Protein backbone atom coordinates (compact mmCIF):
# COMPACT_ATOMS: atom_id res chain seq x y z
CA MET A 1 164.61 106.50 12.44
CA PRO A 2 166.24 109.16 14.63
CA ASP A 3 168.51 111.73 13.00
CA LEU A 4 171.80 110.30 14.27
CA VAL A 5 173.85 113.25 13.01
CA SER A 6 171.88 115.76 15.12
CA TRP A 7 172.59 113.71 18.26
CA ILE A 8 176.37 113.83 18.06
CA LEU A 9 177.31 117.38 19.13
CA PRO A 10 174.84 117.72 22.07
CA PHE A 11 175.76 114.22 23.29
CA LEU A 12 179.50 114.88 23.10
CA PHE A 13 179.10 118.23 24.86
CA VAL A 14 177.23 116.69 27.79
CA LEU A 15 179.43 113.60 28.06
CA THR A 16 182.71 115.50 27.73
CA LEU A 17 181.72 118.06 30.36
CA VAL A 18 180.62 115.47 32.93
CA VAL A 19 183.51 113.03 32.40
CA THR A 20 186.19 115.74 32.21
CA ILE A 21 185.11 117.24 35.53
CA HIS A 22 185.05 113.74 37.05
CA GLU A 23 188.63 113.08 35.98
CA LEU A 24 189.72 116.58 37.01
CA GLY A 25 188.42 115.74 40.49
CA HIS A 26 190.92 112.87 40.66
CA PHE A 27 193.60 115.10 39.12
CA TRP A 28 193.16 118.05 41.51
CA ALA A 29 193.09 115.79 44.59
CA ALA A 30 196.22 113.98 43.43
CA ARG A 31 197.97 117.27 42.67
CA ALA A 32 197.04 118.58 46.15
CA PHE A 33 198.86 115.61 47.71
CA GLY A 34 201.93 116.08 45.49
CA THR A 35 201.32 112.94 43.45
CA VAL A 36 203.36 112.36 40.28
CA ILE A 37 200.89 112.40 37.39
CA GLU A 38 201.85 110.99 34.02
CA SER A 39 199.01 112.15 31.77
CA PHE A 40 195.50 113.57 31.58
CA SER A 41 193.39 112.70 28.56
CA ILE A 42 190.07 113.91 27.21
CA GLY A 43 188.95 111.11 24.92
CA PHE A 44 190.59 107.79 24.14
CA GLY A 45 192.84 106.45 21.41
CA ARG A 46 195.60 108.19 19.48
CA ALA A 47 196.12 111.80 20.52
CA ILE A 48 194.97 114.51 18.12
CA VAL A 49 196.67 117.18 20.23
CA LYS A 50 199.05 116.79 23.18
CA TRP A 51 201.43 118.95 25.20
CA ARG A 52 203.31 118.90 28.52
CA ASP A 53 202.94 121.40 31.34
CA LYS A 54 205.67 122.63 33.70
CA GLN A 55 205.05 119.69 36.07
CA GLY A 56 205.68 117.20 33.28
CA VAL A 57 202.04 116.12 32.91
CA GLU A 58 201.11 115.20 29.35
CA TRP A 59 197.74 116.71 28.41
CA ARG A 60 196.11 115.05 25.43
CA ILE A 61 192.90 115.02 23.42
CA GLY A 62 192.11 111.58 21.97
CA TRP A 63 190.31 110.98 18.70
CA LEU A 64 187.47 109.01 20.39
CA PRO A 65 185.61 111.55 22.58
CA LEU A 66 183.70 109.06 24.75
CA GLY A 67 185.31 109.73 28.12
CA GLY A 68 188.74 110.40 29.52
CA PHE A 69 191.24 109.39 32.17
CA VAL A 70 194.04 110.53 34.45
CA ARG A 71 197.07 108.24 34.67
CA PHE A 72 199.43 108.28 37.64
CA ALA A 73 203.13 107.46 37.23
CA GLY A 74 203.69 103.74 37.81
CA ASP A 75 199.98 102.93 37.46
CA GLU A 76 200.37 99.68 35.53
CA ASN A 77 198.08 97.40 37.54
CA ALA A 78 194.66 97.10 35.92
CA ALA A 79 192.80 97.55 39.20
CA SER A 80 195.13 100.39 40.31
CA VAL A 81 195.77 98.57 43.60
CA PRO A 82 198.97 96.52 43.38
CA ASP A 83 199.80 93.87 45.97
CA GLN A 84 203.00 93.81 48.04
CA ASP A 85 205.12 92.08 45.35
CA ASP A 86 204.09 94.68 42.78
CA LEU A 87 204.88 97.48 45.24
CA ASP A 88 208.37 96.11 45.92
CA GLU A 89 209.11 95.84 42.21
CA MET A 90 207.74 99.32 41.54
CA LYS A 91 209.76 100.79 44.41
CA ALA A 92 212.95 99.24 43.04
CA ARG A 93 212.32 100.79 39.62
CA ILE A 94 211.68 104.21 41.17
CA LEU A 95 214.87 104.08 43.24
CA GLU A 96 216.91 103.32 40.13
CA HIS A 97 216.38 106.87 38.90
CA ASN A 98 215.28 108.84 41.98
CA ALA A 99 216.26 109.64 45.56
CA PRO A 100 214.50 107.63 48.33
CA ALA A 101 212.29 110.61 49.21
CA ALA A 102 210.75 110.51 45.71
CA VAL A 103 208.99 107.22 46.49
CA GLN A 104 206.39 109.04 48.60
CA GLN A 105 205.39 111.15 45.59
CA PHE A 106 204.05 108.14 43.69
CA TYR A 107 200.37 107.32 44.01
CA HIS A 108 200.72 103.73 45.23
CA PHE A 109 203.06 104.75 48.07
CA LYS A 110 200.76 107.46 49.38
CA PRO A 111 199.01 106.78 52.71
CA VAL A 112 195.82 104.81 52.15
CA TRP A 113 193.67 107.73 53.33
CA GLN A 114 195.14 109.98 50.63
CA ARG A 115 194.52 107.36 47.94
CA ALA A 116 190.94 107.01 49.17
CA ILE A 117 190.41 110.77 48.92
CA ILE A 118 191.86 110.80 45.40
CA ALA A 119 189.54 107.94 44.38
CA ALA A 120 186.48 109.62 45.91
CA ALA A 121 187.34 113.02 44.43
CA GLY A 122 185.94 112.08 41.00
CA PRO A 123 182.37 111.41 42.20
CA VAL A 124 182.58 114.38 44.58
CA ALA A 125 183.55 116.60 41.64
CA ASN A 126 180.44 115.37 39.80
CA PHE A 127 178.20 116.32 42.72
CA LEU A 128 179.85 119.74 42.99
CA LEU A 129 179.43 120.26 39.24
CA ALA A 130 175.72 119.50 39.56
CA ILE A 131 175.32 121.97 42.44
CA LEU A 132 177.23 124.64 40.51
CA LEU A 133 175.23 124.17 37.30
CA PHE A 134 171.86 124.13 39.08
CA ALA A 135 172.86 127.20 41.11
CA LEU A 136 174.13 129.02 38.01
CA LEU A 137 170.93 128.39 36.06
CA LEU A 138 168.67 129.31 38.97
CA GLY A 139 170.71 132.40 39.86
CA VAL A 140 170.84 133.74 36.30
CA PHE A 141 167.43 132.74 34.95
CA GLY A 142 165.34 131.92 38.00
CA GLU A 143 162.51 129.47 37.39
CA ASN A 144 158.86 129.34 36.49
CA ARG A 145 156.97 127.53 39.22
CA LEU A 146 153.51 125.97 39.01
CA PRO A 147 151.65 126.21 42.34
CA PRO A 148 150.91 122.73 43.80
CA LYS A 149 147.19 123.26 43.33
CA ILE A 150 144.87 120.61 41.88
CA THR A 151 142.62 122.08 39.18
CA ASP A 152 141.03 118.92 37.81
CA ILE A 153 140.99 115.15 38.32
CA GLU A 154 140.76 112.59 35.55
CA ALA A 155 137.66 110.42 35.86
CA GLY A 156 138.40 106.85 36.92
CA SER A 157 142.00 107.72 37.80
CA PRO A 158 143.88 106.75 41.01
CA ALA A 159 143.53 110.39 42.13
CA ALA A 160 139.76 110.24 41.77
CA ALA A 161 139.63 106.95 43.67
CA ALA A 162 141.75 108.42 46.46
CA GLY A 163 139.37 111.35 46.98
CA PHE A 164 141.19 114.36 45.56
CA ALA A 165 139.03 117.40 44.76
CA PRO A 166 139.59 120.48 42.57
CA GLY A 167 141.12 123.28 44.61
CA ASP A 168 143.18 121.02 46.86
CA MET A 169 146.64 122.42 47.66
CA VAL A 170 149.31 119.75 48.08
CA ARG A 171 151.60 120.67 50.97
CA ALA A 172 153.69 117.51 51.36
CA LEU A 173 154.41 114.09 49.85
CA ASP A 174 155.19 111.38 52.40
CA GLY A 175 156.06 114.22 54.78
CA ARG A 176 158.33 116.06 52.31
CA PRO A 177 157.39 119.70 51.65
CA VAL A 178 156.12 120.54 48.16
CA ASP A 179 156.91 123.84 46.43
CA SER A 180 155.49 123.29 42.96
CA PHE A 181 153.31 120.98 40.92
CA LEU A 182 156.48 119.75 39.22
CA ASP A 183 157.53 118.20 42.56
CA ILE A 184 154.38 116.07 42.47
CA GLY A 185 155.10 114.82 38.96
CA GLN A 186 158.73 114.00 39.70
CA TYR A 187 157.83 112.15 42.88
CA THR A 188 154.99 110.06 41.46
CA THR A 189 156.70 109.21 38.16
CA VAL A 190 159.14 106.74 39.80
CA ARG A 191 156.56 105.38 42.29
CA ALA A 192 154.17 103.37 40.14
CA ASN A 193 152.16 101.00 42.38
CA VAL A 194 153.68 102.57 45.52
CA PRO A 195 151.19 104.17 48.00
CA ILE A 196 151.98 107.87 48.62
CA THR A 197 150.65 109.87 51.55
CA PHE A 198 149.61 113.37 50.43
CA THR A 199 149.22 116.19 52.93
CA ILE A 200 146.68 118.56 51.39
CA GLU A 201 144.93 121.75 52.37
CA ARG A 202 141.21 121.88 51.60
CA ALA A 203 138.97 124.78 52.61
CA GLY A 204 141.50 125.92 55.19
CA ARG A 205 141.82 122.47 56.78
CA GLU A 206 144.76 120.08 56.52
CA MET A 207 144.10 116.43 55.76
CA LEU A 208 145.84 113.28 54.55
CA ILE A 209 145.06 111.33 51.37
CA VAL A 210 146.76 108.08 50.35
CA ALA A 211 146.97 107.50 46.58
CA THR A 212 148.80 104.88 44.52
CA PRO A 213 150.02 105.95 41.05
CA ALA A 214 149.10 103.55 38.26
CA GLU A 215 151.78 102.30 35.89
CA VAL A 216 151.23 103.67 32.39
CA GLU A 217 153.35 103.73 29.25
CA LYS A 218 154.09 107.16 27.82
CA VAL A 219 156.22 108.48 24.98
CA ASP A 220 158.38 111.27 26.37
CA PRO A 221 160.16 113.63 23.92
CA VAL A 222 163.34 113.32 26.01
CA GLY A 223 163.23 109.81 27.47
CA GLY A 224 161.35 108.00 24.71
CA ARG A 225 158.88 105.23 25.54
CA GLN A 226 158.71 104.83 29.32
CA LYS A 227 156.64 103.13 32.00
CA VAL A 228 155.88 105.68 34.70
CA GLY A 229 153.60 106.28 37.64
CA GLN A 230 150.56 108.49 37.00
CA LEU A 231 147.77 109.73 39.27
CA GLY A 232 145.53 111.66 36.88
CA LEU A 233 145.93 115.14 38.38
CA ALA A 234 145.71 118.27 36.20
CA TYR A 235 148.16 121.11 36.87
CA PRO A 236 147.22 124.79 37.18
CA ARG A 237 147.48 127.26 34.32
CA GLU A 238 148.93 130.16 36.31
CA MET A 239 152.70 130.25 36.81
CA GLU A 240 154.87 132.01 39.38
CA ARG A 241 158.26 133.53 38.50
CA VAL A 242 160.82 132.84 41.24
CA ARG A 243 164.17 134.67 41.45
CA TYR A 244 167.20 133.54 43.48
CA GLY A 245 170.05 135.48 45.04
CA PRO A 246 173.55 133.95 45.03
CA ILE A 247 173.24 132.22 48.42
CA ALA A 248 169.70 131.04 47.79
CA ALA A 249 170.74 129.71 44.35
CA ILE A 250 173.53 127.63 45.88
CA GLY A 251 171.14 126.24 48.50
CA ALA A 252 168.56 125.44 45.83
CA GLY A 253 171.29 123.88 43.65
CA ALA A 254 172.34 121.61 46.52
CA GLN A 255 168.70 120.68 47.15
CA ARG A 256 168.17 119.84 43.46
CA THR A 257 171.31 117.72 43.45
CA TRP A 258 170.15 115.83 46.55
CA SER A 259 166.70 115.33 45.02
CA VAL A 260 168.15 113.82 41.83
CA LEU A 261 170.46 111.58 43.88
CA GLU A 262 167.63 110.46 46.13
CA THR A 263 165.41 109.67 43.16
CA THR A 264 168.23 107.73 41.45
CA VAL A 265 168.91 105.62 44.56
CA PHE A 266 165.18 104.96 45.09
CA TYR A 267 164.63 103.94 41.46
CA LEU A 268 167.64 101.61 41.38
CA GLY A 269 166.49 100.08 44.64
CA ARG A 270 163.12 99.27 43.10
CA LEU A 271 164.89 97.90 40.04
CA VAL A 272 167.05 95.56 42.12
CA ARG A 273 163.97 94.32 44.01
CA GLY A 274 162.18 93.61 40.73
CA GLN A 275 159.50 96.26 41.29
CA VAL A 276 160.43 98.10 38.09
CA PRO A 277 160.83 96.38 34.70
CA ALA A 278 164.49 96.12 33.69
CA ASP A 279 163.65 97.25 30.15
CA GLN A 280 163.47 100.83 31.47
CA LEU A 281 167.25 100.99 31.84
CA GLY A 282 168.92 103.21 29.24
CA GLY A 283 172.48 103.68 28.01
CA PHE A 284 174.54 105.86 25.71
CA ILE A 285 171.89 105.86 22.97
CA GLY A 286 169.31 107.08 25.47
CA ILE A 287 171.63 109.85 26.67
CA ALA A 288 172.30 110.87 23.05
CA LYS A 289 168.57 110.94 22.27
CA ALA A 290 167.87 112.96 25.41
CA SER A 291 170.68 115.41 24.54
CA ASP A 292 169.23 115.92 21.06
CA ALA A 293 165.69 116.42 22.36
CA VAL A 294 166.78 118.80 25.12
CA ALA A 295 168.90 120.85 22.70
CA LYS A 296 165.97 121.20 20.28
CA MET A 297 163.57 122.15 23.08
CA GLY A 298 166.02 124.80 24.29
CA ALA A 299 166.26 126.33 20.81
CA GLU A 300 162.53 126.18 20.13
CA GLY A 301 160.98 129.57 19.45
CA ALA A 302 164.28 131.46 19.27
CA PRO A 303 164.08 134.47 16.89
CA ASN A 304 167.53 133.84 15.42
CA MET A 305 170.25 131.20 15.26
CA ALA A 306 172.47 132.79 17.93
CA LEU A 307 169.71 132.79 20.54
CA GLY A 308 168.73 129.28 19.46
CA VAL A 309 172.27 128.03 20.12
CA PHE A 310 172.28 129.86 23.47
CA GLY A 311 168.95 128.28 24.43
CA SER A 312 170.27 124.83 23.51
CA LEU A 313 173.39 125.40 25.60
CA VAL A 314 171.37 126.41 28.66
CA ALA A 315 169.13 123.36 28.31
CA LEU A 316 172.14 121.06 27.90
CA LEU A 317 173.73 122.49 31.04
CA HIS A 318 170.63 121.44 32.98
CA LEU A 319 170.83 117.94 31.49
CA SER A 320 174.55 117.84 32.34
CA ALA A 321 173.75 118.62 35.97
CA VAL A 322 171.28 115.72 36.17
CA LEU A 323 173.64 113.33 34.41
CA SER A 324 176.56 114.42 36.60
CA VAL A 325 174.68 113.31 39.71
CA SER A 326 174.01 109.90 38.18
CA VAL A 327 177.64 109.48 37.08
CA GLY A 328 178.88 110.45 40.54
CA PHE A 329 176.58 107.95 42.24
CA LEU A 330 177.24 105.08 39.82
CA ASN A 331 181.00 105.52 40.25
CA LEU A 332 180.61 105.03 43.99
CA LEU A 333 179.08 101.57 43.56
CA PRO A 334 181.42 98.88 45.03
CA ILE A 335 182.40 97.42 41.65
CA PRO A 336 186.19 96.92 41.27
CA VAL A 337 186.54 98.81 37.98
CA LEU A 338 184.80 101.85 39.46
CA ASP A 339 185.93 104.31 42.12
CA GLY A 340 183.71 102.60 44.67
CA GLY A 341 185.56 99.34 44.04
CA HIS A 342 188.89 101.07 44.66
CA LEU A 343 187.50 102.42 47.93
CA VAL A 344 186.58 98.86 48.95
CA PHE A 345 190.16 97.75 48.24
CA TYR A 346 191.52 100.68 50.25
CA ALA A 347 189.18 99.90 53.14
CA TYR A 348 190.54 96.36 53.22
CA GLU A 349 194.11 97.67 53.12
CA ALA A 350 193.41 100.09 55.96
CA VAL A 351 192.08 97.26 58.16
CA ALA A 352 194.51 94.49 57.13
CA ARG A 353 197.48 96.91 56.79
CA ARG A 354 198.46 95.35 53.47
CA PRO A 355 196.99 95.41 49.93
CA LEU A 356 194.61 92.69 48.82
CA ALA A 357 196.36 89.81 47.01
CA ALA A 358 196.90 90.42 43.31
CA LYS A 359 195.00 87.26 42.33
CA VAL A 360 191.93 88.36 44.28
CA GLN A 361 192.14 91.82 42.75
CA ALA A 362 192.45 90.37 39.25
CA VAL A 363 189.36 88.17 39.75
CA GLY A 364 187.41 91.10 41.17
CA TYR A 365 188.49 93.32 38.30
CA ARG A 366 187.42 90.77 35.66
CA LEU A 367 184.08 90.17 37.34
CA GLY A 368 183.48 93.89 37.72
CA LEU A 369 184.40 94.55 34.12
CA ALA A 370 182.12 91.75 32.91
CA LEU A 371 179.27 93.08 35.06
CA LEU A 372 179.76 96.63 33.78
CA LEU A 373 179.99 95.58 30.12
CA GLY A 374 176.95 93.33 30.50
CA PHE A 375 175.00 96.21 32.03
CA MET A 376 176.03 98.54 29.19
CA LEU A 377 175.08 96.02 26.49
CA PHE A 378 171.72 95.41 28.15
CA ALA A 379 171.08 99.15 28.36
CA VAL A 380 171.98 99.60 24.68
CA TRP A 381 169.60 96.75 23.76
CA ASN A 382 166.81 98.51 25.65
CA ASP A 383 167.60 101.77 23.84
CA LEU A 384 167.46 100.07 20.45
CA GLN A 385 164.02 98.70 21.28
CA ARG A 386 162.76 101.89 22.92
CA TYR A 387 163.56 104.02 19.87
CA ASN A 388 162.23 101.44 17.38
CA VAL A 389 165.58 101.01 15.64
CA PHE A 390 164.84 97.35 14.88
CA ASN A 391 161.49 98.25 13.29
CA PHE A 392 163.23 100.83 11.11
CA LEU A 393 165.90 98.39 9.98
CA GLY A 394 163.28 95.73 9.30
CA GLY A 395 161.36 98.16 7.11
CA LEU A 396 164.42 98.72 4.95
CA PHE A 397 164.37 95.08 3.85
CA SER A 398 160.62 94.47 3.68
């Protein structure tokens, strides 16, 4: 049974960082447009600590640190997109206590393009956080890079069947340049049973090899039991140390962020088409397990506790960057309870020049919420099976 206590702090650090920056994206965009903001909360439930700033915004820390939110003044509609009747009622309430000009300071009376920017600012903040974290880690620490050279091929493997030979240098994967052996592993892992065209250099000549990774089940210290694509290629022993200047680090950070996003979109596409088993989806338990494993790996080998904590923090920042990309992308999906759903509503309003009817919004909101909750429950079920929680509980009563 996993040590649940050791998961809590790393998990909360990663989740709080990613979600807080997401909500601050909404907050900063709204503040830039002069929107009246009622409160900003880190965590849910009753406030442990709260205070008001000079603009009247209530800042609060809730007792349940599993997310956060920013609430705009007058934001009472569940889908945050009231119809015309709601707007008229809200406007009347505002005018009871404010001058007519004050109406334009409230979120729901902002031009639709401003509301769309505010809604999109959360995911954008997640992408910027990922770029910043990747750039920071690469700029400060650099990276150890394994040359994309094949040193050995497993007998009977897809790589052997495709015709790889020791000494081959991999230059590209499906036309994409390769810098390190790690690029090969990351690319093939999510492409089980998908043919990949390798551009290799052999004895000074460039040639193409098509290989299809086999689907195998592996137990990863971070991701647990997973079904991944594997070719059977052995990586080189020698390692190159690469340093980055500030500009190069930012460029590399942006490239890493794009790579994670591209991989996420590709994997979800395969999942939707039924090409990947749905039991590979993970949820909060999987993130907590990964946070714990990454923190321990970062602290491994440290000569004292202080350096161990520092190593864990650095490793968790890398995990936060990866998770931030996923959170940014998932929030852009056109599901009504997510930012992408709000953008769909605003697109309709921009074309029709009026908000979508409240009844339609309510139905969309309920369906979106049911879909999201169902997805979360399914992911948690997969996590419970992946980490053998049921086997552990069964052993307690056998």
